[in-house]
Each structure stands twice: as C-alpha cells, then as structure tokens.
PDB file of N, CA and C in Angstrom:
ATOM      1  N   MET A   1       0.770  -1.176  -0.112  1.00  0.00           N
ATOM      2  CA  MET A   1      -0.086   0.056   0.037  1.00  0.00           C
ATOM      3  C   MET A   1       0.922   1.143   0.032  1.00  0.00           C
ATOM      4  N   THR A   2       0.607   2.039  -0.796  1.00  0.00           N
ATOM      5  CA  THR A   2       1.355   3.439  -1.100  1.00  0.00           C
ATOM      6  C   THR A   2       0.524   4.493  -0.224  1.00  0.00           C
ATOM      7  N   LYS A   3       1.348   5.759  -0.163  1.00  0.00           N
ATOM      8  CA  LYS A   3       0.596   6.874   0.646  1.00  0.00           C
ATOM      9  C   LYS A   3      -0.673   7.150  -0.079  1.00  0.00           C
ATOM     10  N   ALA A   4      -0.580   7.177  -1.460  1.00  0.00           N
ATOM     11  CA  ALA A   4      -1.903   7.570  -2.327  1.00  0.00           C
ATOM     12  C   ALA A   4      -2.905   6.479  -2.015  1.00  0.00           C
ATOM     13  N   ASP A   5      -2.593   5.135  -1.969  1.00  0.00           N
ATOM     14  CA  ASP A   5      -3.604   4.195  -1.613  1.00  0.00           C
ATOM     15  C   ASP A   5      -4.159   4.453  -0.239  1.00  0.00           C
ATOM     16  N   LEU A   6      -3.397   4.731   0.700  1.00  0.00           N
ATOM     17  CA  LEU A   6      -3.829   5.188   2.146  1.00  0.00           C
ATOM     18  C   LEU A   6      -4.701   6.286   2.102  1.00  0.00           C
ATOM     19  N   VAL A   7      -4.553   7.303   1.536  1.00  0.00           N
ATOM     20  CA  VAL A   7      -5.194   8.462   1.321  1.00  0.00           C
ATOM     21  C   VAL A   7      -6.586   8.002   0.856  1.00  0.00           C
ATOM     22  N   THR A   8      -6.539   7.463  -0.307  1.00  0.00           N
ATOM     23  CA  THR A   8      -7.799   7.025  -1.040  1.00  0.00           C
ATOM     24  C   THR A   8      -8.791   6.211  -0.008  1.00  0.00           C
ATOM     25  N   THR A   9      -8.157   5.273   0.638  1.00  0.00           N
ATOM     26  CA  THR A   9      -8.943   4.440   1.556  1.00  0.00           C
ATOM     27  C   THR A   9      -9.512   5.176   2.696  1.00  0.00           C
ATOM     28  N   ILE A  10      -8.822   5.982   3.270  1.00  0.00           N
ATOM     29  CA  ILE A  10      -9.265   6.848   4.465  1.00  0.00           C
ATOM     30  C   ILE A  10     -10.422   7.860   3.763  1.00  0.00           C
ATOM     31  N   ALA A  11     -10.184   8.528   2.795  1.00  0.00           N
ATOM     32  CA  ALA A  11     -11.078   9.339   2.263  1.00  0.00           C
ATOM     33  C   ALA A  11     -12.311   8.745   1.753  1.00  0.00           C
ATOM     34  N   ASP A  12     -12.240   7.309   1.365  1.00  0.00           N
ATOM     35  CA  ASP A  12     -13.606   6.655   1.069  1.00  0.00           C
ATOM     36  C   ASP A  12     -14.239   6.217   2.226  1.00  0.00           C
ATOM     37  N   LYS A  13     -13.541   5.828   3.493  1.00  0.00           N
ATOM     38  CA  LYS A  13     -14.197   5.546   4.528  1.00  0.00           C
ATOM     39  C   LYS A  13     -14.792   6.599   5.494  1.00  0.00           C
ATOM     40  N   SER A  14     -14.228   7.673   5.314  1.00  0.00           N
ATOM     41  CA  SER A  14     -14.514   8.691   6.244  1.00  0.00           C
ATOM     42  C   SER A  14     -15.343   9.799   5.506  1.00  0.00           C
ATOM     43  N   GLY A  15     -15.337   9.946   4.265  1.00  0.00           N
ATOM     44  CA  GLY A  15     -16.105  10.921   3.273  1.00  0.00           C
ATOM     45  C   GLY A  15     -15.553  12.299   3.442  1.00  0.00           C
ATOM     46  N   ILE A  16     -14.213  12.354   3.814  1.00  0.00           N
ATOM     47  CA  ILE A  16     -13.415  13.575   3.909  1.00  0.00           C
ATOM     48  C   ILE A  16     -12.636  13.557   2.485  1.00  0.00           C
ATOM     49  N   GLU A  17     -12.692  14.880   1.996  1.00  0.00           N
ATOM     50  CA  GLU A  17     -11.867  15.214   0.702  1.00  0.00           C
ATOM     51  C   GLU A  17     -10.490  14.672   0.711  1.00  0.00           C
ATOM     52  N   LYS A  18     -10.150  14.063  -0.307  1.00  0.00           N
ATOM     53  CA  LYS A  18      -8.756  13.389  -0.615  1.00  0.00           C
ATOM     54  C   LYS A  18      -7.675  14.488  -0.113  1.00  0.00           C
ATOM     55  N   ALA A  19      -7.827  15.747  -0.504  1.00  0.00           N
ATOM     56  CA  ALA A  19      -6.926  16.795  -0.293  1.00  0.00           C
ATOM     57  C   ALA A  19      -6.663  16.949   1.306  1.00  0.00           C
ATOM     58  N   ASP A  20      -7.811  17.058   1.838  1.00  0.00           N
ATOM     59  CA  ASP A  20      -7.689  17.175   3.435  1.00  0.00           C
ATOM     60  C   ASP A  20      -7.059  15.855   4.117  1.00  0.00           C
ATOM     61  N   VAL A  21      -7.519  14.819   3.609  1.00  0.00           N
ATOM     62  CA  VAL A  21      -6.723  13.430   4.103  1.00  0.00           C
ATOM     63  C   VAL A  21      -5.227  13.533   3.903  1.00  0.00           C
ATOM     64  N   LEU A  22      -4.893  13.910   2.642  1.00  0.00           N
ATOM     65  CA  LEU A  22      -3.515  13.913   2.362  1.00  0.00           C
ATOM     66  C   LEU A  22      -2.927  15.026   3.183  1.00  0.00           C
ATOM     67  N   ALA A  23      -3.231  16.233   3.414  1.00  0.00           N
ATOM     68  CA  ALA A  23      -2.614  17.173   4.390  1.00  0.00           C
ATOM     69  C   ALA A  23      -2.694  16.677   5.696  1.00  0.00           C
ATOM     70  N   THR A  24      -3.454  15.901   6.171  1.00  0.00           N
ATOM     71  CA  THR A  24      -3.415  15.311   7.568  1.00  0.00           C
ATOM     72  C   THR A  24      -2.329  14.320   7.618  1.00  0.00           C
ATOM     73  N   VAL A  25      -2.389  13.326   6.739  1.00  0.00           N
ATOM     74  CA  VAL A  25      -1.278  12.349   6.560  1.00  0.00           C
ATOM     75  C   VAL A  25       0.178  12.966   6.542  1.00  0.00           C
ATOM     76  N   GLU A  26       0.184  13.878   5.672  1.00  0.00           N
ATOM     77  CA  GLU A  26       1.675  14.641   5.615  1.00  0.00           C
ATOM     78  C   GLU A  26       1.804  15.348   6.785  1.00  0.00           C
ATOM     79  N   ALA A  27       0.987  16.046   7.501  1.00  0.00           N
ATOM     80  CA  ALA A  27       1.238  16.607   8.906  1.00  0.00           C
ATOM     81  C   ALA A  27       1.654  15.606   9.953  1.00  0.00           C
ATOM     82  N   PHE A  28       0.962  14.416   9.926  1.00  0.00           N
ATOM     83  CA  PHE A  28       1.416  13.340  10.752  1.00  0.00           C
ATOM     84  C   PHE A  28       2.820  12.986  10.636  1.00  0.00           C
ATOM     85  N   MET A  29       3.180  12.686   9.206  1.00  0.00           N
ATOM     86  CA  MET A  29       4.531  12.312   9.045  1.00  0.00           C
ATOM     87  C   MET A  29       5.495  13.237   9.263  1.00  0.00           C
ATOM     88  N   ASP A  30       5.181  14.657   8.909  1.00  0.00           N
ATOM     89  CA  ASP A  30       6.166  15.603   9.513  1.00  0.00           C
ATOM     90  C   ASP A  30       6.385  15.766  11.002  1.00  0.00           C
ATOM     91  N   GLU A  31       5.269  15.644  11.784  1.00  0.00           N
ATOM     92  CA  GLU A  31       5.342  15.614  13.139  1.00  0.00           C
ATOM     93  C   GLU A  31       6.164  14.467  13.820  1.00  0.00           C
ATOM     94  N   VAL A  32       6.121  13.356  13.231  1.00  0.00           N
ATOM     95  CA  VAL A  32       6.730  12.289  13.636  1.00  0.00           C
ATOM     96  C   VAL A  32       8.214  12.314  13.300  1.00  0.00           C
ATOM     97  N   LYS A  33       8.563  12.880  12.218  1.00  0.00           N
ATOM     98  CA  LYS A  33       9.971  13.115  11.748  1.00  0.00           C
ATOM     99  C   LYS A  33      10.531  14.250  12.527  1.00  0.00           C
ATOM    100  N   SER A  34       9.879  15.066  12.883  1.00  0.00           N
ATOM    101  CA  SER A  34      10.484  16.289  13.765  1.00  0.00           C
ATOM    102  C   SER A  34      10.659  15.865  14.987  1.00  0.00           C
ATOM    103  N   ALA A  35       9.817  15.055  15.649  1.00  0.00           N
ATOM    104  CA  ALA A  35       9.979  14.420  16.975  1.00  0.00           C
ATOM    105  C   ALA A  35      11.001  13.860  17.045  1.00  0.00           C
ATOM    106  N   LEU A  36      11.187  12.841  16.033  1.00  0.00           N
ATOM    107  CA  LEU A  36      12.557  11.863  16.169  1.00  0.00           C
ATOM    108  C   LEU A  36      13.954  12.784  15.966  1.00  0.00           C
ATOM    109  N   GLU A  37      13.761  13.696  15.118  1.00  0.00           N
ATOM    110  CA  GLU A  37      14.876  14.656  14.877  1.00  0.00           C
ATOM    111  C   GLU A  37      15.249  15.391  16.111  1.00  0.00           C
ATOM    112  N   LYS A  38      14.332  15.644  17.010  1.00  0.00           N
ATOM    113  CA  LYS A  38      14.492  16.442  18.193  1.00  0.00           C
ATOM    114  C   LYS A  38      14.934  15.389  19.323  1.00  0.00           C
ATOM    115  N   GLY A  39      15.086  14.083  19.031  1.00  0.00           N
ATOM    116  CA  GLY A  39      15.384  13.101  20.059  1.00  0.00           C
ATOM    117  C   GLY A  39      14.123  12.512  20.733  1.00  0.00           C
ATOM    118  N   ASP A  40      12.995  12.909  20.559  1.00  0.00           N
ATOM    119  CA  ASP A  40      11.836  12.354  21.188  1.00  0.00           C
ATOM    120  C   ASP A  40      11.280  11.157  20.484  1.00  0.00           C
ATOM    121  N   ASN A  41      10.934  10.075  21.352  1.00  0.00           N
ATOM    122  CA  ASN A  41      10.173   8.922  20.740  1.00  0.00           C
ATOM    123  C   ASN A  41       8.547   9.378  20.682  1.00  0.00           C
ATOM    124  N   VAL A  42       7.893   8.643  19.804  1.00  0.00           N
ATOM    125  CA  VAL A  42       6.539   8.878  19.679  1.00  0.00           C
ATOM    126  C   VAL A  42       5.792   7.393  19.729  1.00  0.00           C
ATOM    127  N   TYR A  43       4.864   7.347  20.811  1.00  0.00           N
ATOM    128  CA  TYR A  43       4.236   6.370  21.247  1.00  0.00           C
ATOM    129  C   TYR A  43       2.749   6.428  20.746  1.00  0.00           C
ATOM    130  N   LEU A  44       2.167   5.353  20.012  1.00  0.00           N
ATOM    131  CA  LEU A  44       0.785   5.416  19.581  1.00  0.00           C
ATOM    132  C   LEU A  44       0.297   4.045  20.112  1.00  0.00           C
ATOM    133  N   ARG A  45      -0.402   4.182  21.284  1.00  0.00           N
ATOM    134  CA  ARG A  45      -1.019   3.104  21.969  1.00  0.00           C
ATOM    135  C   ARG A  45      -1.854   2.188  21.073  1.00  0.00           C
ATOM    136  N   GLY A  46      -1.593   0.838  20.949  1.00  0.00           N
ATOM    137  CA  GLY A  46      -2.240  -0.034  20.225  1.00  0.00           C
ATOM    138  C   GLY A  46      -1.761  -0.138  18.864  1.00  0.00           C
ATOM    139  N   PHE A  47      -0.801   0.659  18.350  1.00  0.00           N
ATOM    140  CA  PHE A  47      -0.251   0.693  17.014  1.00  0.00           C
ATOM    141  C   PHE A  47       1.271   0.299  17.039  1.00  0.00           C
ATOM    142  N   GLY A  48       2.007   1.303  17.788  1.00  0.00           N
ATOM    143  CA  GLY A  48       3.431   1.061  17.881  1.00  0.00           C
ATOM    144  C   GLY A  48       4.153   2.253  18.300  1.00  0.00           C
ATOM    145  N   SER A  49       5.421   2.211  18.362  1.00  0.00           N
ATOM    146  CA  SER A  49       6.330   3.344  18.665  1.00  0.00           C
ATOM    147  C   SER A  49       7.408   3.459  17.683  1.00  0.00           C
ATOM    148  N   PHE A  50       7.650   4.871  17.275  1.00  0.00           N
ATOM    149  CA  PHE A  50       8.698   5.328  16.533  1.00  0.00           C
ATOM    150  C   PHE A  50       9.711   5.770  17.497  1.00  0.00           C
ATOM    151  N   VAL A  51      10.829   4.956  17.544  1.00  0.00           N
ATOM    152  CA  VAL A  51      11.896   5.163  18.521  1.00  0.00           C
ATOM    153  C   VAL A  51      13.157   5.578  17.762  1.00  0.00           C
ATOM    154  N   ILE A  52      14.197   5.929  18.614  1.00  0.00           N
ATOM    155  CA  ILE A  52      15.613   6.247  17.974  1.00  0.00           C
ATOM    156  C   ILE A  52      16.420   5.140  18.650  1.00  0.00           C
ATOM    157  N   LYS A  53      17.044   4.372  17.751  1.00  0.00           N
ATOM    158  CA  LYS A  53      18.010   3.202  18.208  1.00  0.00           C
ATOM    159  C   LYS A  53      19.509   3.785  17.915  1.00  0.00           C
ATOM    160  N   THR A  54      20.404   3.574  18.817  1.00  0.00           N
ATOM    161  CA  THR A  54      21.685   3.843  18.650  1.00  0.00           C
ATOM    162  C   THR A  54      22.576   2.861  18.135  1.00  0.00           C
ATOM    163  N   ARG A  55      23.145   2.937  17.072  1.00  0.00           N
ATOM    164  CA  ARG A  55      24.312   1.768  16.588  1.00  0.00           C
ATOM    165  C   ARG A  55      25.622   2.073  17.109  1.00  0.00           C
ATOM    166  N   ALA A  56      26.230   1.188  17.599  1.00  0.00           N
ATOM    167  CA  ALA A  56      27.743   1.369  18.074  1.00  0.00           C
ATOM    168  C   ALA A  56      28.512   1.437  16.880  1.00  0.00           C
ATOM    169  N   GLU A  57      29.686   2.033  17.320  1.00  0.00           N
ATOM    170  CA  GLU A  57      30.828   2.102  16.273  1.00  0.00           C
ATOM    171  C   GLU A  57      31.249   0.631  15.641  1.00  0.00           C
ATOM    172  N   LYS A  58      31.578   0.443  14.523  1.00  0.00           N
ATOM    173  CA  LYS A  58      32.123  -0.842  14.078  1.00  0.00           C
ATOM    174  C   LYS A  58      33.056  -0.834  13.059  1.00  0.00           C
ATOM    175  N   THR A  59      33.749  -1.974  12.813  1.00  0.00           N
ATOM    176  CA  THR A  59      34.589  -1.983  11.555  1.00  0.00           C
ATOM    177  C   THR A  59      33.915  -2.648  10.492  1.00  0.00           C
ATOM    178  N   GLY A  60      33.900  -2.065   9.213  1.00  0.00           N
ATOM    179  CA  GLY A  60      33.335  -2.662   8.250  1.00  0.00           C
ATOM    180  C   GLY A  60      34.538  -2.785   7.071  1.00  0.00           C
ATOM    181  N   ARG A  61      34.182  -3.284   5.815  1.00  0.00           N
ATOM    182  CA  ARG A  61      35.029  -3.572   4.790  1.00  0.00           C
ATOM    183  C   ARG A  61      34.608  -2.814   3.519  1.00  0.00           C
ATOM    184  N   ASN A  62      35.475  -2.447   2.931  1.00  0.00           N
ATOM    185  CA  ASN A  62      35.220  -1.841   1.461  1.00  0.00           C
ATOM    186  C   ASN A  62      35.798  -3.008   0.585  1.00  0.00           C
ATOM    187  N   ILE A  63      34.903  -3.717  -0.013  1.00  0.00           N
ATOM    188  CA  ILE A  63      35.293  -4.995  -0.775  1.00  0.00           C
ATOM    189  C   ILE A  63      36.063  -4.528  -1.884  1.00  0.00           C
ATOM    190  N   SER A  64      35.640  -3.557  -2.669  1.00  0.00           N
ATOM    191  CA  SER A  64      36.414  -3.008  -3.928  1.00  0.00           C
ATOM    192  C   SER A  64      37.781  -2.694  -3.703  1.00  0.00           C
ATOM    193  N   LYS A  65      38.150  -2.181  -2.681  1.00  0.00           N
ATOM    194  CA  LYS A  65      39.464  -1.635  -2.446  1.00  0.00           C
ATOM    195  C   LYS A  65      40.176  -2.655  -1.419  1.00  0.00           C
ATOM    196  N   ASN A  66      39.419  -3.470  -0.871  1.00  0.00           N
ATOM    197  CA  ASN A  66      40.169  -4.615   0.197  1.00  0.00           C
ATOM    198  C   ASN A  66      40.595  -3.927   1.291  1.00  0.00           C
ATOM    199  N   THR A  67      39.874  -2.894   1.820  1.00  0.00           N
ATOM    200  CA  THR A  67      40.475  -2.260   3.153  1.00  0.00           C
ATOM    201  C   THR A  67      39.332  -2.159   4.064  1.00  0.00           C
ATOM    202  N   THR A  68      39.808  -2.020   5.430  1.00  0.00           N
ATOM    203  CA  THR A  68      38.821  -1.812   6.448  1.00  0.00           C
ATOM    204  C   THR A  68      38.485  -0.387   6.760  1.00  0.00           C
ATOM    205  N   ILE A  69      37.327  -0.109   7.069  1.00  0.00           N
ATOM    206  CA  ILE A  69      36.846   1.213   7.240  1.00  0.00           C
ATOM    207  C   ILE A  69      36.136   1.273   8.675  1.00  0.00           C
ATOM    208  N   LYS A  70      36.165   2.439   9.267  1.00  0.00           N
ATOM    209  CA  LYS A  70      35.539   2.606  10.526  1.00  0.00           C
ATOM    210  C   LYS A  70      34.177   3.219  10.423  1.00  0.00           C
ATOM    211  N   ILE A  71      33.092   2.637  10.862  1.00  0.00           N
ATOM    212  CA  ILE A  71      31.911   3.107  10.689  1.00  0.00           C
ATOM    213  C   ILE A  71      31.509   3.737  12.163  1.00  0.00           C
ATOM    214  N   PRO A  72      31.219   5.043  12.078  1.00  0.00           N
ATOM    215  CA  PRO A  72      31.045   5.662  13.447  1.00  0.00           C
ATOM    216  C   PRO A  72      29.660   5.374  14.079  1.00  0.00           C
ATOM    217  N   ALA A  73      29.568   5.515  15.362  1.00  0.00           N
ATOM    218  CA  ALA A  73      28.309   5.287  16.024  1.00  0.00           C
ATOM    219  C   ALA A  73      27.284   6.325  15.563  1.00  0.00           C
ATOM    220  N   HIS A  74      26.133   5.943  15.306  1.00  0.00           N
ATOM    221  CA  HIS A  74      24.975   6.846  14.856  1.00  0.00           C
ATOM    222  C   HIS A  74      23.725   6.406  15.372  1.00  0.00           C
ATOM    223  N   ASN A  75      22.634   7.225  15.293  1.00  0.00           N
ATOM    224  CA  ASN A  75      21.389   7.041  15.622  1.00  0.00           C
ATOM    225  C   ASN A  75      20.468   6.693  14.441  1.00  0.00           C
ATOM    226  N   ILE A  76      19.558   5.839  14.369  1.00  0.00           N
ATOM    227  CA  ILE A  76      18.630   5.536  13.268  1.00  0.00           C
ATOM    228  C   ILE A  76      17.278   5.405  13.869  1.00  0.00           C
ATOM    229  N   PRO A  77      16.129   5.935  13.053  1.00  0.00           N
ATOM    230  CA  PRO A  77      14.916   5.835  13.485  1.00  0.00           C
ATOM    231  C   PRO A  77      14.369   4.408  13.194  1.00  0.00           C
ATOM    232  N   ALA A  78      13.459   3.889  14.025  1.00  0.00           N
ATOM    233  CA  ALA A  78      12.936   2.575  13.967  1.00  0.00           C
ATOM    234  C   ALA A  78      11.480   2.332  14.422  1.00  0.00           C
ATOM    235  N   PHE A  79      10.878   1.451  14.010  1.00  0.00           N
ATOM    236  CA  PHE A  79       9.474   1.216  14.454  1.00  0.00           C
ATOM    237  C   PHE A  79       9.273   0.042  15.066  1.00  0.00           C
ATOM    238  N   LYS A  80       8.547   0.083  16.375  1.00  0.00           N
ATOM    239  CA  LYS A  80       8.446  -1.231  17.143  1.00  0.00           C
ATOM    240  C   LYS A  80       6.800  -1.350  17.259  1.00  0.00           C
ATOM    241  N   PRO A  81       6.545  -2.388  16.556  1.00  0.00           N
ATOM    242  CA  PRO A  81       4.882  -2.485  16.562  1.00  0.00           C
ATOM    243  C   PRO A  81       4.364  -2.970  18.158  1.00  0.00           C
ATOM    244  N   ALA A  82       3.250  -2.486  18.310  1.00  0.00           N
ATOM    245  CA  ALA A  82       2.539  -2.824  19.547  1.00  0.00           C
ATOM    246  C   ALA A  82       2.098  -4.378  19.610  1.00  0.00           C
ATOM    247  N   LYS A  83       2.136  -4.916  20.752  1.00  0.00           N
ATOM    248  CA  LYS A  83       1.806  -6.444  20.897  1.00  0.00           C
ATOM    249  C   LYS A  83       0.530  -6.679  20.108  1.00  0.00           C
ATOM    250  N   THR A  84      -0.547  -6.104  20.378  1.00  0.00           N
ATOM    251  CA  THR A  84      -1.794  -6.241  19.811  1.00  0.00           C
ATOM    252  C   THR A  84      -1.671  -6.413  18.239  1.00  0.00           C
ATOM    253  N   PHE A  85      -0.935  -5.329  17.689  1.00  0.00           N
ATOM    254  CA  PHE A  85      -0.788  -5.187  16.253  1.00  0.00           C
ATOM    255  C   PHE A  85       0.015  -6.466  15.634  1.00  0.00           C
ATOM    256  N   THR A  86       1.055  -6.796  16.431  1.00  0.00           N
ATOM    257  CA  THR A  86       1.937  -7.933  15.986  1.00  0.00           C
ATOM    258  C   THR A  86       1.105  -9.223  16.030  1.00  0.00           C
ATOM    259  N   GLU A  87       0.138  -9.288  17.108  1.00  0.00           N
ATOM    260  CA  GLU A  87      -0.650 -10.586  17.230  1.00  0.00           C
ATOM    261  C   GLU A  87      -1.573 -10.693  16.199  1.00  0.00           C
ATOM    262  N   GLY A  88      -2.072  -9.521  15.804  1.00  0.00           N
ATOM    263  CA  GLY A  88      -3.133  -9.373  14.658  1.00  0.00           C
ATOM    264  C   GLY A  88      -2.591  -9.816  13.309  1.00  0.00           C
ATOM    265  N   VAL A  89      -1.302  -9.271  13.165  1.00  0.00           N
ATOM    266  CA  VAL A  89      -0.688  -9.742  11.917  1.00  0.00           C
ATOM    267  C   VAL A  89      -0.454 -11.135  11.760  1.00  0.00           C
ATOM    268  N   LYS A  90       0.085 -11.641  12.817  1.00  0.00           N
ATOM    269  CA  LYS A  90       0.471 -13.120  13.028  1.00  0.00           C
ATOM    270  C   LYS A  90      -0.925 -13.942  12.777  1.00  0.00           C
ATOM    271  N   ALA A  91      -1.926 -13.453  13.463  1.00  0.00           N
ATOM    272  CA  ALA A  91      -3.209 -14.272  13.121  1.00  0.00           C
ATOM    273  C   ALA A  91      -3.908 -14.306  11.816  1.00  0.00           C
ATOM    274  N   LYS A  92      -3.590 -13.152  11.065  1.00  0.00           N
ATOM    275  CA  LYS A  92      -4.452 -12.942   9.936  1.00  0.00           C
ATOM    276  C   LYS A  92      -3.636 -13.084   8.523  1.00  0.00           C
ATOM    277  N   VAL A  93      -2.267 -12.850   8.659  1.00  0.00           N
ATOM    278  CA  VAL A  93      -1.469 -13.079   7.323  1.00  0.00           C
ATOM    279  C   VAL A  93      -0.858 -14.448   7.161  1.00  0.00           C
ATOM    280  N   GLU A  94      -1.018 -15.152   6.029  1.00  0.00           N
ATOM    281  CA  GLU A  94      -0.417 -16.356   5.826  1.00  0.00           C
ATOM    282  C   GLU A  94       1.136 -16.293   5.672  1.00  0.00           C
ATOM    283  N   VAL A  95       1.801 -17.270   6.152  1.00  0.00           N
ATOM    284  CA  VAL A  95       3.204 -17.280   5.896  1.00  0.00           C
ATOM    285  C   VAL A  95       3.519 -17.767   4.566  1.00  0.00           C
ATOM    286  N   LYS A  96       4.376 -17.000   3.778  1.00  0.00           N
ATOM    287  CA  LYS A  96       4.644 -17.379   2.476  1.00  0.00           C
ATOM    288  C   LYS A  96       5.770 -18.286   2.317  1.00  0.00           C
TER     289      LYS A  96
END
C-alpha cells in the first residue's frame, strides 16, 4: 500500500476530501519526523512506537579496495509495533 492508496482508502471510509486527508497524513508524518529529529520517541498506543536506536561504532570492509573502514556510532529511526498489532498480523496473514 502506498501513501496514495492510504489517502484514498481513508477518504472513502470517512467521507473527507482527499486533499484534506493528504494534508493530515503529511502533517502526521512531518510531526513524527520532527519529534525523532529532536530526540523524542513517538508512542501510539495499540499501534506501535517510533523510536531512536543507537548503533555502536564498528569496523566494516570496503570490498572493492579490500580495506577496512571505521563506521562511526550513529542513531537511526525505528518502528516497534505494539503487541496487539503484532498478534493481529500473525493471526491474519499467511506465511509465504
């Protein structure tokens, strides 16, 4: 499902104009992004959490030059689904 599909589905179910739904979805994504950029986690009860994970410094390899490189410690955004969300997916989606 793409963002356009999501907007269309929400607009059809709620009866709200697509442009208004798109603006709401964009605003939601902007707020989650700005909260994470500030260092704050976002918790959505029953859905999941957008959190910041810290990756430790590590040594990697540049295969083309056959050299080692140092990858510095850094933060990355991550999503952790809620327990009810995970259980629902496990129950309803077939294993491929």
